[in-house]
Amino acid sequence: MAEPAAPPPRHDERVGETIGRKAERKLKARGSRHRGVWFGLGMFGLVGWSVAVPTLAGIALGIWLDANLPSRFSWTITLLFIGAVLGCLNAWYWVERESRHD
């Protein structure tokens, strides 16, 4: 004579198993040091903006100063260079900060 089959799992048991699997997957993903493509693209954008904004601000201020305060040298070129240097230092800071989190 055959043994009776085990009753199918109740709905709440299946939900609990599903939640448990998802929680394990989430914890495993958090523990992983691998960062995805989106993180890289976000960091690329952050670095780009951190260089572009001070450079463009320097250019704008330089154009205004050249129009209102004439001098022997170009304020635009000078402030473009200063803005680019400050932007690069800013980008370096952010990249160093993110690399310390690894």
PDB file of N, CA and C in Angstrom:
ATOM      1  N   MET A   1       0.827  -1.166   0.000  1.00  0.00           N
ATOM      2  CA  MET A   1       0.000   0.000   0.000  1.00  0.00           C
ATOM      3  C   MET A   1       0.886   1.249   0.000  1.00  0.00           C
ATOM      4  N   ALA A   2       0.568   2.254  -0.782  1.00  0.00           N
ATOM      5  CA  ALA A   2       1.359   3.471  -0.922  1.00  0.00           C
ATOM      6  C   ALA A   2       1.097   4.420   0.238  1.00  0.00           C
ATOM      7  N   GLU A   3       2.182   5.118   0.615  1.00  0.00           N
ATOM      8  CA  GLU A   3       2.038   6.084   1.700  1.00  0.00           C
ATOM      9  C   GLU A   3       1.303   7.308   1.176  1.00  0.00           C
ATOM     10  N   PRO A   4       0.543   7.962   2.037  1.00  0.00           N
ATOM     11  CA  PRO A   4      -0.175   9.154   1.565  1.00  0.00           C
ATOM     12  C   PRO A   4       0.814  10.283   1.266  1.00  0.00           C
ATOM     13  N   ALA A   5       0.530  11.031   0.252  1.00  0.00           N
ATOM     14  CA  ALA A   5       1.389  12.150  -0.152  1.00  0.00           C
ATOM     15  C   ALA A   5       1.297  13.257   0.891  1.00  0.00           C
ATOM     16  N   ALA A   6       2.409  13.966   1.049  1.00  0.00           N
ATOM     17  CA  ALA A   6       2.423  15.079   1.996  1.00  0.00           C
ATOM     18  C   ALA A   6       1.501  16.172   1.483  1.00  0.00           C
ATOM     19  N   PRO A   7       0.814  16.848   2.379  1.00  0.00           N
ATOM     20  CA  PRO A   7      -0.090  17.909   1.922  1.00  0.00           C
ATOM     21  C   PRO A   7       0.719  19.050   1.312  1.00  0.00           C
ATOM     22  N   PRO A   8       0.157  19.717   0.338  1.00  0.00           N
ATOM     23  CA  PRO A   8       0.885  20.835  -0.276  1.00  0.00           C
ATOM     24  C   PRO A   8       1.110  21.935   0.754  1.00  0.00           C
ATOM     25  N   PRO A   9       2.219  22.689   0.586  1.00  0.00           N
ATOM     26  CA  PRO A   9       2.500  23.745   1.567  1.00  0.00           C
ATOM     27  C   PRO A   9       1.398  24.801   1.552  1.00  0.00           C
ATOM     28  N   ARG A  10       1.143  25.330   2.715  1.00  0.00           N
ATOM     29  CA  ARG A  10       0.130  26.373   2.807  1.00  0.00           C
ATOM     30  C   ARG A  10       0.653  27.643   2.152  1.00  0.00           C
ATOM     31  N   HIS A  11      -0.276  28.523   1.836  1.00  0.00           N
ATOM     32  CA  HIS A  11       0.085  29.769   1.151  1.00  0.00           C
ATOM     33  C   HIS A  11       1.065  30.596   1.984  1.00  0.00           C
ATOM     34  N   ASP A  12       0.851  30.692   3.296  1.00  0.00           N
ATOM     35  CA  ASP A  12       1.733  31.515   4.121  1.00  0.00           C
ATOM     36  C   ASP A  12       3.131  30.924   4.233  1.00  0.00           C
ATOM     37  N   GLU A  13       3.279  29.597   4.111  1.00  0.00           N
ATOM     38  CA  GLU A  13       4.603  28.975   4.118  1.00  0.00           C
ATOM     39  C   GLU A  13       5.356  29.327   2.836  1.00  0.00           C
ATOM     40  N   ARG A  14       4.645  29.320   1.708  1.00  0.00           N
ATOM     41  CA  ARG A  14       5.290  29.668   0.434  1.00  0.00           C
ATOM     42  C   ARG A  14       5.719  31.131   0.423  1.00  0.00           C
ATOM     43  N   VAL A  15       4.896  31.993   0.968  1.00  0.00           N
ATOM     44  CA  VAL A  15       5.246  33.412   1.029  1.00  0.00           C
ATOM     45  C   VAL A  15       6.482  33.600   1.901  1.00  0.00           C
ATOM     46  N   GLY A  16       6.533  32.901   3.020  1.00  0.00           N
ATOM     47  CA  GLY A  16       7.693  32.991   3.907  1.00  0.00           C
ATOM     48  C   GLY A  16       8.968  32.529   3.231  1.00  0.00           C
ATOM     49  N   GLU A  17       8.877  31.442   2.452  1.00  0.00           N
ATOM     50  CA  GLU A  17      10.055  30.947   1.731  1.00  0.00           C
ATOM     51  C   GLU A  17      10.502  31.949   0.677  1.00  0.00           C
ATOM     52  N   THR A  18       9.551  32.537  -0.024  1.00  0.00           N
ATOM     53  CA  THR A  18       9.882  33.526  -1.054  1.00  0.00           C
ATOM     54  C   THR A  18      10.564  34.739  -0.435  1.00  0.00           C
ATOM     55  N   ILE A  19      10.022  35.205   0.664  1.00  0.00           N
ATOM     56  CA  ILE A  19      10.620  36.362   1.340  1.00  0.00           C
ATOM     57  C   ILE A  19      12.022  36.018   1.841  1.00  0.00           C
ATOM     58  N   GLY A  20      12.181  34.822   2.369  1.00  0.00           N
ATOM     59  CA  GLY A  20      13.496  34.394   2.843  1.00  0.00           C
ATOM     60  C   GLY A  20      14.523  34.355   1.730  1.00  0.00           C
ATOM     61  N   ARG A  21      14.137  33.832   0.564  1.00  0.00           N
ATOM     62  CA  ARG A  21      15.070  33.785  -0.577  1.00  0.00           C
ATOM     63  C   ARG A  21      15.447  35.189  -1.033  1.00  0.00           C
ATOM     64  N   LYS A  22      14.455  36.081  -1.107  1.00  0.00           N
ATOM     65  CA  LYS A  22      14.736  37.456  -1.539  1.00  0.00           C
ATOM     66  C   LYS A  22      15.641  38.176  -0.539  1.00  0.00           C
ATOM     67  N   ALA A  23      15.417  37.944   0.741  1.00  0.00           N
ATOM     68  CA  ALA A  23      16.262  38.578   1.758  1.00  0.00           C
ATOM     69  C   ALA A  23      17.697  38.074   1.662  1.00  0.00           C
ATOM     70  N   GLU A  24      17.870  36.781   1.443  1.00  0.00           N
ATOM     71  CA  GLU A  24      19.224  36.230   1.283  1.00  0.00           C
ATOM     72  C   GLU A  24      19.919  36.832   0.072  1.00  0.00           C
ATOM     73  N   ARG A  25      19.179  36.955  -1.022  1.00  0.00           N
ATOM     74  CA  ARG A  25      19.746  37.525  -2.245  1.00  0.00           C
ATOM     75  C   ARG A  25      20.152  38.985  -2.012  1.00  0.00           C
ATOM     76  N   LYS A  26      19.315  39.723  -1.298  1.00  0.00           N
ATOM     77  CA  LYS A  26      19.616  41.134  -1.029  1.00  0.00           C
ATOM     78  C   LYS A  26      20.849  41.265  -0.142  1.00  0.00           C
ATOM     79  N   LEU A  27      20.949  40.435   0.893  1.00  0.00           N
ATOM     80  CA  LEU A  27      22.123  40.479   1.771  1.00  0.00           C
ATOM     81  C   LEU A  27      23.390  40.097   1.020  1.00  0.00           C
ATOM     82  N   LYS A  28      23.286  39.136   0.137  1.00  0.00           N
ATOM     83  CA  LYS A  28      24.444  38.732  -0.655  1.00  0.00           C
ATOM     84  C   LYS A  28      24.881  39.871  -1.576  1.00  0.00           C
ATOM     85  N   ALA A  29      23.916  40.560  -2.181  1.00  0.00           N
ATOM     86  CA  ALA A  29      24.248  41.679  -3.070  1.00  0.00           C
ATOM     87  C   ALA A  29      24.876  42.827  -2.297  1.00  0.00           C
ATOM     88  N   ARG A  30      24.397  43.097  -1.088  1.00  0.00           N
ATOM     89  CA  ARG A  30      24.988  44.169  -0.285  1.00  0.00           C
ATOM     90  C   ARG A  30      26.413  43.850   0.131  1.00  0.00           C
ATOM     91  N   GLY A  31      26.687  42.592   0.396  1.00  0.00           N
ATOM     92  CA  GLY A  31      28.030  42.194   0.814  1.00  0.00           C
ATOM     93  C   GLY A  31      29.024  42.174  -0.321  1.00  0.00           C
ATOM     94  N   SER A  32      28.534  42.170  -1.542  1.00  0.00           N
ATOM     95  CA  SER A  32      29.411  42.115  -2.704  1.00  0.00           C
ATOM     96  C   SER A  32      30.107  43.452  -2.910  1.00  0.00           C
ATOM     97  N   ARG A  33      31.384  43.411  -3.219  1.00  0.00           N
ATOM     98  CA  ARG A  33      32.162  44.623  -3.469  1.00  0.00           C
ATOM     99  C   ARG A  33      32.048  45.074  -4.924  1.00  0.00           C
ATOM    100  N   HIS A  34      31.459  44.258  -5.759  1.00  0.00           N
ATOM    101  CA  HIS A  34      31.344  44.587  -7.182  1.00  0.00           C
ATOM    102  C   HIS A  34      30.296  45.673  -7.373  1.00  0.00           C
ATOM    103  N   ARG A  35      30.653  46.714  -8.034  1.00  0.00           N
ATOM    104  CA  ARG A  35      29.712  47.782  -8.330  1.00  0.00           C
ATOM    105  C   ARG A  35      29.370  47.718  -9.804  1.00  0.00           C
ATOM    106  N   GLY A  36      28.136  47.968 -10.098  1.00  0.00           N
ATOM    107  CA  GLY A  36      27.621  47.797 -11.443  1.00  0.00           C
ATOM    108  C   GLY A  36      27.942  48.934 -12.386  1.00  0.00           C
ATOM    109  N   VAL A  37      27.392  48.791 -13.569  1.00  0.00           N
ATOM    110  CA  VAL A  37      27.588  49.764 -14.633  1.00  0.00           C
ATOM    111  C   VAL A  37      26.997  51.113 -14.244  1.00  0.00           C
ATOM    112  N   TRP A  38      25.841  51.092 -13.592  1.00  0.00           N
ATOM    113  CA  TRP A  38      25.190  52.352 -13.230  1.00  0.00           C
ATOM    114  C   TRP A  38      26.031  53.149 -12.246  1.00  0.00           C
ATOM    115  N   PHE A  39      26.702  52.462 -11.335  1.00  0.00           N
ATOM    116  CA  PHE A  39      27.581  53.174 -10.407  1.00  0.00           C
ATOM    117  C   PHE A  39      28.710  53.852 -11.182  1.00  0.00           C
ATOM    118  N   GLY A  40      29.279  53.133 -12.133  1.00  0.00           N
ATOM    119  CA  GLY A  40      30.362  53.703 -12.942  1.00  0.00           C
ATOM    120  C   GLY A  40      29.904  54.899 -13.752  1.00  0.00           C
ATOM    121  N   LEU A  41      28.719  54.796 -14.336  1.00  0.00           N
ATOM    122  CA  LEU A  41      28.198  55.926 -15.113  1.00  0.00           C
ATOM    123  C   LEU A  41      27.892  57.119 -14.206  1.00  0.00           C
ATOM    124  N   GLY A  42      27.380  56.829 -13.025  1.00  0.00           N
ATOM    125  CA  GLY A  42      27.114  57.911 -12.077  1.00  0.00           C
ATOM    126  C   GLY A  42      28.390  58.603 -11.639  1.00  0.00           C
ATOM    127  N   MET A  43      29.419  57.816 -11.397  1.00  0.00           N
ATOM    128  CA  MET A  43      30.703  58.394 -10.992  1.00  0.00           C
ATOM    129  C   MET A  43      31.306  59.195 -12.152  1.00  0.00           C
ATOM    130  N   PHE A  44      31.167  58.684 -13.360  1.00  0.00           N
ATOM    131  CA  PHE A  44      31.654  59.404 -14.537  1.00  0.00           C
ATOM    132  C   PHE A  44      30.952  60.756 -14.648  1.00  0.00           C
ATOM    133  N   GLY A  45      29.638  60.773 -14.426  1.00  0.00           N
ATOM    134  CA  GLY A  45      28.887  62.019 -14.473  1.00  0.00           C
ATOM    135  C   GLY A  45      29.294  62.968 -13.365  1.00  0.00           C
ATOM    136  N   LEU A  46      29.512  62.433 -12.166  1.00  0.00           N
ATOM    137  CA  LEU A  46      29.923  63.259 -11.031  1.00  0.00           C
ATOM    138  C   LEU A  46      31.269  63.918 -11.306  1.00  0.00           C
ATOM    139  N   VAL A  47      32.195  63.154 -11.831  1.00  0.00           N
ATOM    140  CA  VAL A  47      33.522  63.693 -12.147  1.00  0.00           C
ATOM    141  C   VAL A  47      33.404  64.752 -13.247  1.00  0.00           C
ATOM    142  N   GLY A  48      32.599  64.471 -14.251  1.00  0.00           N
ATOM    143  CA  GLY A  48      32.423  65.435 -15.340  1.00  0.00           C
ATOM    144  C   GLY A  48      31.846  66.753 -14.861  1.00  0.00           C
ATOM    145  N   TRP A  49      30.781  66.685 -14.076  1.00  0.00           N
ATOM    146  CA  TRP A  49      30.169  67.907 -13.568  1.00  0.00           C
ATOM    147  C   TRP A  49      31.073  68.633 -12.593  1.00  0.00           C
ATOM    148  N   SER A  50      31.818  67.897 -11.791  1.00  0.00           N
ATOM    149  CA  SER A  50      32.678  68.563 -10.814  1.00  0.00           C
ATOM    150  C   SER A  50      33.829  69.304 -11.481  1.00  0.00           C
ATOM    151  N   VAL A  51      34.162  68.962 -12.712  1.00  0.00           N
ATOM    152  CA  VAL A  51      35.172  69.705 -13.467  1.00  0.00           C
ATOM    153  C   VAL A  51      34.509  70.800 -14.310  1.00  0.00           C
ATOM    154  N   ALA A  52      33.363  70.478 -14.919  1.00  0.00           N
ATOM    155  CA  ALA A  52      32.721  71.412 -15.841  1.00  0.00           C
ATOM    156  C   ALA A  52      32.169  72.655 -15.141  1.00  0.00           C
ATOM    157  N   VAL A  53      31.544  72.480 -13.996  1.00  0.00           N
ATOM    158  CA  VAL A  53      30.895  73.626 -13.335  1.00  0.00           C
ATOM    159  C   VAL A  53      31.907  74.705 -12.926  1.00  0.00           C
ATOM    160  N   PRO A  54      32.995  74.374 -12.222  1.00  0.00           N
ATOM    161  CA  PRO A  54      33.941  75.448 -11.884  1.00  0.00           C
ATOM    162  C   PRO A  54      34.605  76.062 -13.120  1.00  0.00           C
ATOM    163  N   THR A  55      34.832  75.260 -14.144  1.00  0.00           N
ATOM    164  CA  THR A  55      35.443  75.788 -15.368  1.00  0.00           C
ATOM    165  C   THR A  55      34.506  76.783 -16.043  1.00  0.00           C
ATOM    166  N   LEU A  56      33.238  76.419 -16.183  1.00  0.00           N
ATOM    167  CA  LEU A  56      32.272  77.327 -16.814  1.00  0.00           C
ATOM    168  C   LEU A  56      32.022  78.564 -15.960  1.00  0.00           C
ATOM    169  N   ALA A  57      32.026  78.393 -14.640  1.00  0.00           N
ATOM    170  CA  ALA A  57      31.863  79.558 -13.759  1.00  0.00           C
ATOM    171  C   ALA A  57      33.049  80.506 -13.920  1.00  0.00           C
ATOM    172  N   GLY A  58      34.244  79.957 -14.043  1.00  0.00           N
ATOM    173  CA  GLY A  58      35.431  80.788 -14.271  1.00  0.00           C
ATOM    174  C   GLY A  58      35.354  81.526 -15.591  1.00  0.00           C
ATOM    175  N   ILE A  59      34.884  80.857 -16.621  1.00  0.00           N
ATOM    176  CA  ILE A  59      34.745  81.511 -17.932  1.00  0.00           C
ATOM    177  C   ILE A  59      33.731  82.651 -17.848  1.00  0.00           C
ATOM    178  N   ALA A  60      32.581  82.385 -17.233  1.00  0.00           N
ATOM    179  CA  ALA A  60      31.544  83.418 -17.142  1.00  0.00           C
ATOM    180  C   ALA A  60      32.037  84.632 -16.363  1.00  0.00           C
ATOM    181  N   LEU A  61      32.686  84.375 -15.229  1.00  0.00           N
ATOM    182  CA  LEU A  61      33.218  85.484 -14.445  1.00  0.00           C
ATOM    183  C   LEU A  61      34.309  86.218 -15.224  1.00  0.00           C
ATOM    184  N   GLY A  62      35.137  85.484 -15.945  1.00  0.00           N
ATOM    185  CA  GLY A  62      36.196  86.097 -16.742  1.00  0.00           C
ATOM    186  C   GLY A  62      35.650  86.983 -17.851  1.00  0.00           C
ATOM    187  N   ILE A  63      34.595  86.537 -18.516  1.00  0.00           N
ATOM    188  CA  ILE A  63      33.983  87.357 -19.575  1.00  0.00           C
ATOM    189  C   ILE A  63      33.426  88.648 -18.980  1.00  0.00           C
ATOM    190  N   TRP A  64      32.778  88.526 -17.825  1.00  0.00           N
ATOM    191  CA  TRP A  64      32.215  89.708 -17.170  1.00  0.00           C
ATOM    192  C   TRP A  64      33.330  90.671 -16.754  1.00  0.00           C
ATOM    193  N   LEU A  65      34.412  90.126 -16.174  1.00  0.00           N
ATOM    194  CA  LEU A  65      35.526  90.982 -15.758  1.00  0.00           C
ATOM    195  C   LEU A  65      36.220  91.637 -16.952  1.00  0.00           C
ATOM    196  N   ASP A  66      36.389  90.896 -18.057  1.00  0.00           N
ATOM    197  CA  ASP A  66      37.002  91.488 -19.256  1.00  0.00           C
ATOM    198  C   ASP A  66      36.165  92.645 -19.790  1.00  0.00           C
ATOM    199  N   ALA A  67      34.839  92.532 -19.686  1.00  0.00           N
ATOM    200  CA  ALA A  67      33.964  93.597 -20.187  1.00  0.00           C
ATOM    201  C   ALA A  67      33.955  94.795 -19.255  1.00  0.00           C
ATOM    202  N   ASN A  68      34.086  94.567 -17.952  1.00  0.00           N
ATOM    203  CA  ASN A  68      33.943  95.648 -16.989  1.00  0.00           C
ATOM    204  C   ASN A  68      35.244  96.131 -16.366  1.00  0.00           C
ATOM    205  N   LEU A  69      36.300  95.358 -16.506  1.00  0.00           N
ATOM    206  CA  LEU A  69      37.574  95.717 -15.876  1.00  0.00           C
ATOM    207  C   LEU A  69      38.711  95.394 -16.853  1.00  0.00           C
ATOM    208  N   PRO A  70      38.905  96.231 -17.865  1.00  0.00           N
ATOM    209  CA  PRO A  70      39.947  95.950 -18.857  1.00  0.00           C
ATOM    210  C   PRO A  70      41.339  95.915 -18.206  1.00  0.00           C
ATOM    211  N   SER A  71      42.163  94.998 -18.691  1.00  0.00           N
ATOM    212  CA  SER A  71      43.529  94.900 -18.179  1.00  0.00           C
ATOM    213  C   SER A  71      44.432  94.380 -19.289  1.00  0.00           C
ATOM    214  N   ARG A  72      45.746  94.271 -18.973  1.00  0.00           N
ATOM    215  CA  ARG A  72      46.724  93.790 -19.967  1.00  0.00           C
ATOM    216  C   ARG A  72      46.548  92.313 -20.271  1.00  0.00           C
ATOM    217  N   PHE A  73      45.993  91.558 -19.346  1.00  0.00           N
ATOM    218  CA  PHE A  73      45.830  90.109 -19.541  1.00  0.00           C
ATOM    219  C   PHE A  73      44.339  89.773 -19.602  1.00  0.00           C
ATOM    220  N   SER A  74      44.075  88.579 -20.072  1.00  0.00           N
ATOM    221  CA  SER A  74      42.691  88.133 -20.238  1.00  0.00           C
ATOM    222  C   SER A  74      42.194  87.466 -18.951  1.00  0.00           C
ATOM    223  N   TRP A  75      41.162  88.067 -18.359  1.00  0.00           N
ATOM    224  CA  TRP A  75      40.553  87.445 -17.188  1.00  0.00           C
ATOM    225  C   TRP A  75      39.909  86.111 -17.553  1.00  0.00           C
ATOM    226  N   THR A  76      39.375  86.034 -18.740  1.00  0.00           N
ATOM    227  CA  THR A  76      38.685  84.811 -19.156  1.00  0.00           C
ATOM    228  C   THR A  76      39.637  83.620 -19.180  1.00  0.00           C
ATOM    229  N   ILE A  77      40.798  83.806 -19.796  1.00  0.00           N
ATOM    230  CA  ILE A  77      41.766  82.714 -19.872  1.00  0.00           C
ATOM    231  C   ILE A  77      42.288  82.357 -18.476  1.00  0.00           C
ATOM    232  N   THR A  78      42.564  83.378 -17.676  1.00  0.00           N
ATOM    233  CA  THR A  78      43.087  83.145 -16.326  1.00  0.00           C
ATOM    234  C   THR A  78      42.084  82.371 -15.478  1.00  0.00           C
ATOM    235  N   LEU A  79      40.830  82.812 -15.470  1.00  0.00           N
ATOM    236  CA  LEU A  79      39.819  82.156 -14.647  1.00  0.00           C
ATOM    237  C   LEU A  79      39.391  80.813 -15.229  1.00  0.00           C
ATOM    238  N   LEU A  80      39.516  80.646 -16.527  1.00  0.00           N
ATOM    239  CA  LEU A  80      39.274  79.319 -17.116  1.00  0.00           C
ATOM    240  C   LEU A  80      40.282  78.321 -16.557  1.00  0.00           C
ATOM    241  N   PHE A  81      41.535  78.724 -16.538  1.00  0.00           N
ATOM    242  CA  PHE A  81      42.580  77.848 -16.004  1.00  0.00           C
ATOM    243  C   PHE A  81      42.357  77.559 -14.514  1.00  0.00           C
ATOM    244  N   ILE A  82      42.063  78.593 -13.734  1.00  0.00           N
ATOM    245  CA  ILE A  82      41.835  78.399 -12.299  1.00  0.00           C
ATOM    246  C   ILE A  82      40.622  77.506 -12.061  1.00  0.00           C
ATOM    247  N   GLY A  83      39.544  77.729 -12.822  1.00  0.00           N
ATOM    248  CA  GLY A  83      38.348  76.898 -12.687  1.00  0.00           C
ATOM    249  C   GLY A  83      38.618  75.446 -13.040  1.00  0.00           C
ATOM    250  N   ALA A  84      39.402  75.219 -14.086  1.00  0.00           N
ATOM    251  CA  ALA A  84      39.735  73.843 -14.474  1.00  0.00           C
ATOM    252  C   ALA A  84      40.583  73.155 -13.405  1.00  0.00           C
ATOM    253  N   VAL A  85      41.533  73.876 -12.830  1.00  0.00           N
ATOM    254  CA  VAL A  85      42.367  73.297 -11.768  1.00  0.00           C
ATOM    255  C   VAL A  85      41.509  72.971 -10.546  1.00  0.00           C
ATOM    256  N   LEU A  86      40.655  73.904 -10.135  1.00  0.00           N
ATOM    257  CA  LEU A  86      39.777  73.646  -8.988  1.00  0.00           C
ATOM    258  C   LEU A  86      38.825  72.488  -9.268  1.00  0.00           C
ATOM    259  N   GLY A  87      38.325  72.417 -10.497  1.00  0.00           N
ATOM    260  CA  GLY A  87      37.442  71.313 -10.870  1.00  0.00           C
ATOM    261  C   GLY A  87      38.150  69.974 -10.819  1.00  0.00           C
ATOM    262  N   CYS A  88      39.378  69.931 -11.280  1.00  0.00           N
ATOM    263  CA  CYS A  88      40.148  68.679 -11.227  1.00  0.00           C
ATOM    264  C   CYS A  88      40.438  68.266  -9.793  1.00  0.00           C
ATOM    265  N   LEU A  89      40.756  69.233  -8.938  1.00  0.00           N
ATOM    266  CA  LEU A  89      40.963  68.913  -7.526  1.00  0.00           C
ATOM    267  C   LEU A  89      39.673  68.394  -6.887  1.00  0.00           C
ATOM    268  N   ASN A  90      38.560  69.004  -7.245  1.00  0.00           N
ATOM    269  CA  ASN A  90      37.264  68.563  -6.743  1.00  0.00           C
ATOM    270  C   ASN A  90      36.958  67.132  -7.203  1.00  0.00           C
ATOM    271  N   ALA A  91      37.200  66.836  -8.474  1.00  0.00           N
ATOM    272  CA  ALA A  91      36.971  65.486  -8.993  1.00  0.00           C
ATOM    273  C   ALA A  91      37.884  64.480  -8.304  1.00  0.00           C
ATOM    274  N   TRP A  92      39.123  64.858  -8.094  1.00  0.00           N
ATOM    275  CA  TRP A  92      40.061  63.967  -7.406  1.00  0.00           C
ATOM    276  C   TRP A  92      39.569  63.646  -6.002  1.00  0.00           C
ATOM    277  N   TYR A  93      39.049  64.669  -5.315  1.00  0.00           N
ATOM    278  CA  TYR A  93      38.504  64.461  -3.971  1.00  0.00           C
ATOM    279  C   TYR A  93      37.369  63.432  -3.990  1.00  0.00           C
ATOM    280  N   TRP A  94      36.433  63.554  -4.929  1.00  0.00           N
ATOM    281  CA  TRP A  94      35.295  62.641  -4.981  1.00  0.00           C
ATOM    282  C   TRP A  94      35.715  61.229  -5.339  1.00  0.00           C
ATOM    283  N   VAL A  95      36.652  61.093  -6.258  1.00  0.00           N
ATOM    284  CA  VAL A  95      37.114  59.753  -6.635  1.00  0.00           C
ATOM    285  C   VAL A  95      37.835  59.100  -5.460  1.00  0.00           C
ATOM    286  N   GLU A  96      38.672  59.850  -4.763  1.00  0.00           N
ATOM    287  CA  GLU A  96      39.368  59.315  -3.585  1.00  0.00           C
ATOM    288  C   GLU A  96      38.371  58.905  -2.505  1.00  0.00           C
ATOM    289  N   ARG A  97      37.368  59.728  -2.299  1.00  0.00           N
ATOM    290  CA  ARG A  97      36.356  59.444  -1.278  1.00  0.00           C
ATOM    291  C   ARG A  97      35.607  58.136  -1.593  1.00  0.00           C
ATOM    292  N   GLU A  98      35.221  57.961  -2.841  1.00  0.00           N
ATOM    293  CA  GLU A  98      34.497  56.754  -3.232  1.00  0.00           C
ATOM    294  C   GLU A  98      35.392  55.529  -3.214  1.00  0.00           C
ATOM    295  N   SER A  99      36.673  55.688  -3.529  1.00  0.00           N
ATOM    296  CA  SER A  99      37.571  54.529  -3.541  1.00  0.00           C
ATOM    297  C   SER A  99      37.876  54.070  -2.125  1.00  0.00           C
ATOM    298  N   ARG A 100      37.778  54.973  -1.134  1.00  0.00           N
ATOM    299  CA  ARG A 100      37.976  54.559   0.269  1.00  0.00           C
ATOM    300  C   ARG A 100      36.848  53.702   0.779  1.00  0.00           C
ATOM    301  N   HIS A 101      35.670  53.764   0.155  1.00  0.00           N
ATOM    302  CA  HIS A 101      34.519  52.977   0.595  1.00  0.00           C
ATOM    303  C   HIS A 101      34.626  51.511   0.187  1.00  0.00           C
ATOM    304  N   ASP A 102      35.575  51.169  -0.644  1.00  0.00           N
ATOM    305  CA  ASP A 102      35.726  49.762  -1.092  1.00  0.00           C
ATOM    306  C   ASP A 102      36.378  48.915  -0.085  1.00  0.00           C
TER     307      ASP A 102
END
